[in-house]
Structure formats: C-alpha cells, structure tokens
Amino acid sequence: MVTNMAGLYASQRAEHAWALLLSLTRGVPSTTDDNGRKVWPMPALELTGGTLGIIGLGGFGLEIVKRAVGYDMTILAIDPVRQDKPLEVTELNRPSRQNLHSLLKQSDAVMIACPKVPETYHLIGGKELAVMKNTAYLVNVTRGGIVDEQALIVALKSGQIAGAGLDVAEVEPVPPNSPVWWEAPNLIITPHRAGSSQHRPQKTFEFFCDNLRRYLKGEKLENVVNKNLGF
C-alpha cells in the first residue's frame, strides 16, 4: 500500500495558478516592460463573467473552483473519477477527446489540475490548442509533459492562443538554450514553486504523523494511491 500527499498543497497551488492567470490577463509582465520604455500600456482582459475550464477536479481543482466563484465564472470541468458535481461547477464530464475539445472551445481560460499519468502525456497538443479561442489563456502548475511545449510555442507565436503560464516543464530546470525562453511570446514561466508555502513543512509533518497513527491503529489511511489509475 502506498499513500501520497494529494491535495495537501492544493491551496497554494491554486493561488499560484490564479497569480499566473491574472498576471497574463491584466498584462502585468508587459506593463512592467512598458514602464521601462515609458510607454502607456494597452487595456487588459476582464475575467468576470467568463468561462473557466478545469482539467481535473481533485483537491487542487476544487481549490481553483473556490477562487473562480468570486469572479462569477461559468465553470466547466473534466475528471475521470469524481461522481458528485459541485454546485459551483456548471458542467462536469468524463475525459474523452470530444469532451476535452468541447471544454477547450468554450473556455476563456483553461487550468490544468490533473496528475501526470500515461493517459495525460501531451494531453494538450497542437490539435487541442487549435480549438481554443485566440483570446484564451492556458495555465499549468501540475506536471511537465501534460502540455506539448513545442506545440505551445507554435500556438503562442501564431497567436492561436493569447498567452500561457507554466510552473512546470518537460525538462527541469529549463535549459538556458530552450526555445521556451525566447521563442514564445506572452508566456510566463516560474520555477516549479506553486506548492511552496511557509506552512508546507508543518503540513507535511502533521499529515505524516496522522497517517502513521492510523496505520499503527489499523485504521483506514488517507490518500491511498489507486494503482490502476496511477494516483
């Protein structure tokens, strides 16, 4: 039997995902550059009343939902195991190519909140990016490899999507000569720190001690990995 830390760092990861999205939609990086050039920035995009697509509705996905409610967004989600649809979620479907493309077509922003397993490798590739709105944004703070980085660069350069925020990459740290650094416009990259928090060490210690206590008492453990699903 194997357990993991699933959901333990969900709140800080959700905060980071929203920080990336808001930085993109409000033009924070470009505004900083414009300030240096003494140029007045262009108008920003409003998320309120828009549509948010969430791929994966586990603990992390639910934390994203909590924050989306404040923006009065229509929330679409895909998840392979969740049975109950939260009241805040407008539509919840099982993973399929058709359902994924439907979510991508409708969304003004897409956040990836699923684990990296064989089924999710390059889940977002050229075909998926091609069906997104050219005003849409993509955010991934889970695992590298879920998004095809080469396809993402092409989509950003061509204007197929408006921007992307990544806290993860297929190769980490991202090599200095990677085209991700210099070929992709309107891309924000952070160094895999979405799960960071001043509370993380204490949270980890308390969770481990609680599961150890459960094990010693013969009680049901928290976060047992489903070996068939891989998470």
Protein backbone atom coordinates (compact mmCIF):
# COMPACT_ATOMS: atom_id res chain seq x y z
CA MET A 1 0.00 0.00 0.00
CA VAL A 2 1.28 3.43 -0.99
CA THR A 3 0.00 6.84 0.11
CA ASN A 4 0.78 10.28 -1.24
CA MET A 5 0.34 13.95 -0.41
CA ALA A 6 -2.50 14.57 -2.89
CA GLY A 7 -4.45 17.70 -2.03
CA LEU A 8 -2.15 18.70 0.81
CA TYR A 9 -0.68 21.62 -1.12
CA ALA A 10 -3.81 22.36 -3.16
CA SER A 11 -4.49 25.83 -1.76
CA GLN A 12 -1.07 27.30 -2.52
CA ARG A 13 -1.02 25.68 -5.96
CA ALA A 14 -4.41 27.23 -6.72
CA GLU A 15 -3.14 30.63 -5.56
CA HIS A 16 -0.15 30.28 -7.88
CA ALA A 17 -2.32 29.23 -10.83
CA TRP A 18 -4.53 32.27 -10.33
CA ALA A 19 -1.49 34.52 -9.92
CA LEU A 20 -0.22 33.38 -13.32
CA LEU A 21 -3.62 33.80 -14.96
CA LEU A 22 -4.23 37.26 -13.52
CA SER A 23 -0.71 38.37 -14.43
CA LEU A 24 -1.48 37.38 -18.01
CA THR A 25 -4.98 38.82 -18.28
CA ARG A 26 -4.05 42.09 -16.56
CA GLY A 27 -0.86 42.40 -18.58
CA VAL A 28 1.50 42.61 -15.61
CA PRO A 29 4.70 41.43 -17.38
CA SER A 30 4.12 43.60 -20.46
CA THR A 31 3.19 46.57 -18.27
CA THR A 32 6.48 46.23 -16.42
CA ASP A 33 8.31 46.28 -19.75
CA ASP A 34 6.23 49.25 -20.92
CA ASN A 35 7.12 51.16 -17.76
CA GLY A 36 10.79 50.70 -18.53
CA ARG A 37 10.21 52.07 -22.03
CA LYS A 38 7.94 54.85 -20.68
CA VAL A 39 5.03 53.54 -22.75
CA TRP A 40 1.40 53.66 -21.55
CA PRO A 41 0.04 50.07 -21.56
CA MET A 42 -2.94 48.76 -23.52
CA PRO A 43 -6.26 47.74 -21.84
CA ALA A 44 -6.38 44.41 -20.01
CA LEU A 45 -8.82 41.50 -20.19
CA GLU A 46 -11.63 41.08 -17.64
CA LEU A 47 -12.28 37.53 -16.39
CA THR A 48 -15.53 38.29 -14.53
CA GLY A 49 -18.45 36.55 -16.21
CA GLY A 50 -16.17 34.48 -18.45
CA THR A 51 -15.80 30.72 -18.77
CA LEU A 52 -13.13 28.72 -16.96
CA GLY A 53 -12.20 25.19 -17.99
CA ILE A 54 -10.58 22.93 -15.38
CA ILE A 55 -8.96 19.65 -16.39
CA GLY A 56 -9.00 17.55 -13.22
CA LEU A 57 -11.31 18.11 -10.27
CA GLY A 58 -9.47 16.63 -7.32
CA GLY A 59 -8.39 18.65 -4.30
CA PHE A 60 -6.39 21.09 -6.40
CA GLY A 61 -9.17 21.52 -8.94
CA LEU A 62 -11.68 22.23 -6.18
CA GLU A 63 -9.43 24.96 -4.77
CA ILE A 64 -9.38 26.54 -8.22
CA VAL A 65 -13.19 26.40 -8.25
CA LYS A 66 -13.41 28.22 -4.90
CA ARG A 67 -11.48 31.15 -6.31
CA ALA A 68 -13.34 31.19 -9.63
CA VAL A 69 -16.65 31.71 -7.82
CA GLY A 70 -15.52 35.18 -6.82
CA TYR A 71 -15.23 36.07 -10.49
CA ASP A 72 -18.76 34.85 -11.26
CA MET A 73 -17.39 32.50 -13.90
CA THR A 74 -19.08 29.64 -15.72
CA ILE A 75 -17.02 26.61 -14.69
CA LEU A 76 -16.56 23.57 -16.94
CA ALA A 77 -14.62 20.56 -15.67
CA ILE A 78 -13.37 17.14 -16.72
CA ASP A 79 -12.46 14.42 -14.23
CA PRO A 80 -12.18 10.60 -14.52
CA VAL A 81 -13.40 9.65 -11.04
CA ARG A 82 -15.43 12.41 -9.38
CA GLN A 83 -19.08 11.40 -9.11
CA ASP A 84 -20.64 14.45 -7.48
CA LYS A 85 -20.76 17.74 -9.36
CA PRO A 86 -20.08 20.66 -7.03
CA LEU A 87 -22.84 23.27 -7.10
CA GLU A 88 -20.40 25.90 -8.34
CA VAL A 89 -19.49 23.80 -11.39
CA THR A 90 -21.76 24.26 -14.39
CA GLU A 91 -20.72 21.13 -16.24
CA LEU A 92 -18.70 18.05 -15.23
CA ASN A 93 -17.81 15.37 -17.79
CA ARG A 94 -15.65 12.29 -18.07
CA PRO A 95 -12.40 12.54 -20.06
CA SER A 96 -12.78 11.94 -23.78
CA ARG A 97 -11.39 13.69 -26.82
CA GLN A 98 -14.83 15.09 -27.59
CA ASN A 99 -15.42 16.39 -24.06
CA LEU A 100 -11.92 17.86 -23.86
CA HIS A 101 -12.30 19.72 -27.14
CA SER A 102 -15.73 20.99 -26.10
CA LEU A 103 -14.27 22.40 -22.87
CA LEU A 104 -11.36 24.00 -24.72
CA LYS A 105 -13.60 25.61 -27.34
CA GLN A 106 -15.82 27.28 -24.75
CA SER A 107 -13.22 28.44 -22.23
CA ASP A 108 -11.69 31.88 -21.86
CA ALA A 109 -9.07 30.33 -19.59
CA VAL A 110 -8.02 26.73 -19.05
CA MET A 111 -6.28 25.45 -15.92
CA ILE A 112 -4.70 22.02 -15.82
CA ALA A 113 -5.23 20.30 -12.47
CA CYS A 114 -4.74 16.63 -13.38
CA PRO A 115 -1.85 14.32 -12.48
CA LYS A 116 0.75 13.20 -14.99
CA VAL A 117 -0.01 9.61 -15.99
CA PRO A 118 0.43 7.88 -19.38
CA GLU A 119 -3.07 8.97 -20.39
CA THR A 120 -2.31 12.66 -19.79
CA TYR A 121 1.10 12.83 -21.52
CA HIS A 122 0.82 15.62 -24.13
CA LEU A 123 -2.88 15.80 -23.37
CA ILE A 124 -2.73 19.37 -24.66
CA GLY A 125 -1.08 19.27 -28.08
CA GLY A 126 -1.41 21.05 -31.38
CA LYS A 127 -4.94 19.81 -32.10
CA GLU A 128 -6.16 20.88 -28.68
CA LEU A 129 -4.55 24.31 -28.83
CA ALA A 130 -6.04 24.81 -32.29
CA VAL A 131 -9.61 24.58 -30.98
CA MET A 132 -9.07 27.13 -28.20
CA LYS A 133 -10.17 30.74 -28.59
CA ASN A 134 -7.41 33.05 -29.78
CA THR A 135 -8.24 35.20 -26.74
CA ALA A 136 -7.86 32.28 -24.31
CA TYR A 137 -5.14 31.56 -21.75
CA LEU A 138 -3.64 28.25 -20.61
CA VAL A 139 -2.17 27.63 -17.14
CA ASN A 140 -0.31 24.52 -15.96
CA VAL A 141 1.19 24.21 -12.47
CA THR A 142 0.91 20.43 -12.08
CA ARG A 143 3.49 18.44 -14.06
CA GLY A 144 5.58 18.98 -17.16
CA GLY A 145 4.71 16.81 -20.13
CA ILE A 146 0.95 17.29 -19.93
CA VAL A 147 1.34 20.19 -22.36
CA ASP A 148 3.33 19.65 -25.55
CA GLU A 149 5.77 22.55 -25.21
CA GLN A 150 6.71 22.67 -28.90
CA ALA A 151 3.05 22.85 -29.88
CA LEU A 152 2.53 25.57 -27.26
CA ILE A 153 5.36 27.66 -28.69
CA VAL A 154 3.81 27.40 -32.15
CA ALA A 155 0.39 28.39 -30.79
CA LEU A 156 1.80 31.41 -28.94
CA LYS A 157 3.90 32.60 -31.87
CA SER A 158 0.99 32.31 -34.29
CA GLY A 159 -1.49 33.98 -31.94
CA GLN A 160 -3.61 30.84 -31.76
CA ILE A 161 -3.98 31.49 -28.01
CA ALA A 162 -3.41 34.72 -26.11
CA GLY A 163 -0.91 33.50 -23.52
CA ALA A 164 0.20 30.79 -21.13
CA GLY A 165 1.51 30.44 -17.60
CA LEU A 166 3.71 27.48 -16.65
CA ASP A 167 5.19 26.48 -13.32
CA VAL A 168 6.40 23.16 -14.75
CA ALA A 169 8.33 21.99 -17.80
CA GLU A 170 9.17 18.76 -19.58
CA VAL A 171 12.82 19.26 -18.61
CA GLU A 172 13.56 20.94 -15.28
CA PRO A 173 15.29 23.21 -14.75
CA VAL A 174 14.53 24.64 -18.18
CA PRO A 175 17.86 24.69 -20.10
CA PRO A 176 19.23 28.19 -20.84
CA ASN A 177 19.09 27.47 -24.59
CA SER A 178 15.50 26.21 -24.55
CA PRO A 179 13.25 27.92 -27.13
CA VAL A 180 10.66 28.28 -24.36
CA TRP A 181 12.71 31.20 -23.01
CA TRP A 182 12.94 33.27 -26.16
CA GLU A 183 10.59 31.97 -28.87
CA ALA A 184 7.27 32.08 -27.02
CA PRO A 185 5.60 35.49 -26.64
CA ASN A 186 3.25 36.14 -23.74
CA LEU A 187 4.50 33.18 -21.74
CA ILE A 188 5.20 33.38 -18.00
CA ILE A 189 7.43 30.69 -16.50
CA THR A 190 8.02 30.16 -12.79
CA PRO A 191 10.48 27.57 -11.37
CA HIS A 192 8.14 24.81 -10.10
CA ARG A 193 7.29 26.59 -6.88
CA ALA A 194 3.47 26.53 -6.92
CA GLY A 195 3.45 24.14 -3.97
CA SER A 196 5.72 26.33 -1.87
CA SER A 197 4.39 27.83 1.35
CA GLN A 198 5.68 28.87 4.75
CA HIS A 199 3.25 26.28 6.15
CA ARG A 200 4.40 23.37 3.96
CA PRO A 201 6.87 21.72 6.39
CA GLN A 202 4.32 21.75 9.23
CA LYS A 203 1.51 20.49 6.97
CA THR A 204 3.70 17.65 5.72
CA PHE A 205 4.79 16.65 9.22
CA GLU A 206 1.25 16.68 10.60
CA PHE A 207 -0.12 14.67 7.68
CA PHE A 208 2.62 12.04 8.01
CA CYS A 209 2.09 11.72 11.76
CA ASP A 210 -1.67 11.38 11.33
CA ASN A 211 -1.28 8.63 8.72
CA LEU A 212 1.31 6.87 10.89
CA ARG A 213 -1.12 6.95 13.80
CA ARG A 214 -3.84 5.50 11.57
CA TYR A 215 -1.50 2.74 10.39
CA LEU A 216 -0.47 1.76 13.91
CA LYS A 217 -4.13 1.61 15.00
CA GLY A 218 -5.17 -0.39 11.95
CA GLU A 219 -7.37 2.45 10.69
CA LYS A 220 -8.01 3.47 7.10
CA LEU A 221 -5.14 5.54 5.69
CA GLU A 222 -5.59 8.87 3.96
CA ASN A 223 -4.58 9.35 0.32
CA VAL A 224 -4.06 5.71 -0.64
CA VAL A 225 -2.81 5.57 -4.23
CA ASN A 226 -5.07 3.79 -6.72
CA LYS A 227 -2.51 1.70 -8.60
CA ASN A 228 -4.86 1.22 -11.54
CA LEU A 229 -5.27 4.96 -12.03
CA GLY A 230 -1.69 5.82 -11.07
CA PHE A 231 -2.65 8.46 -8.49
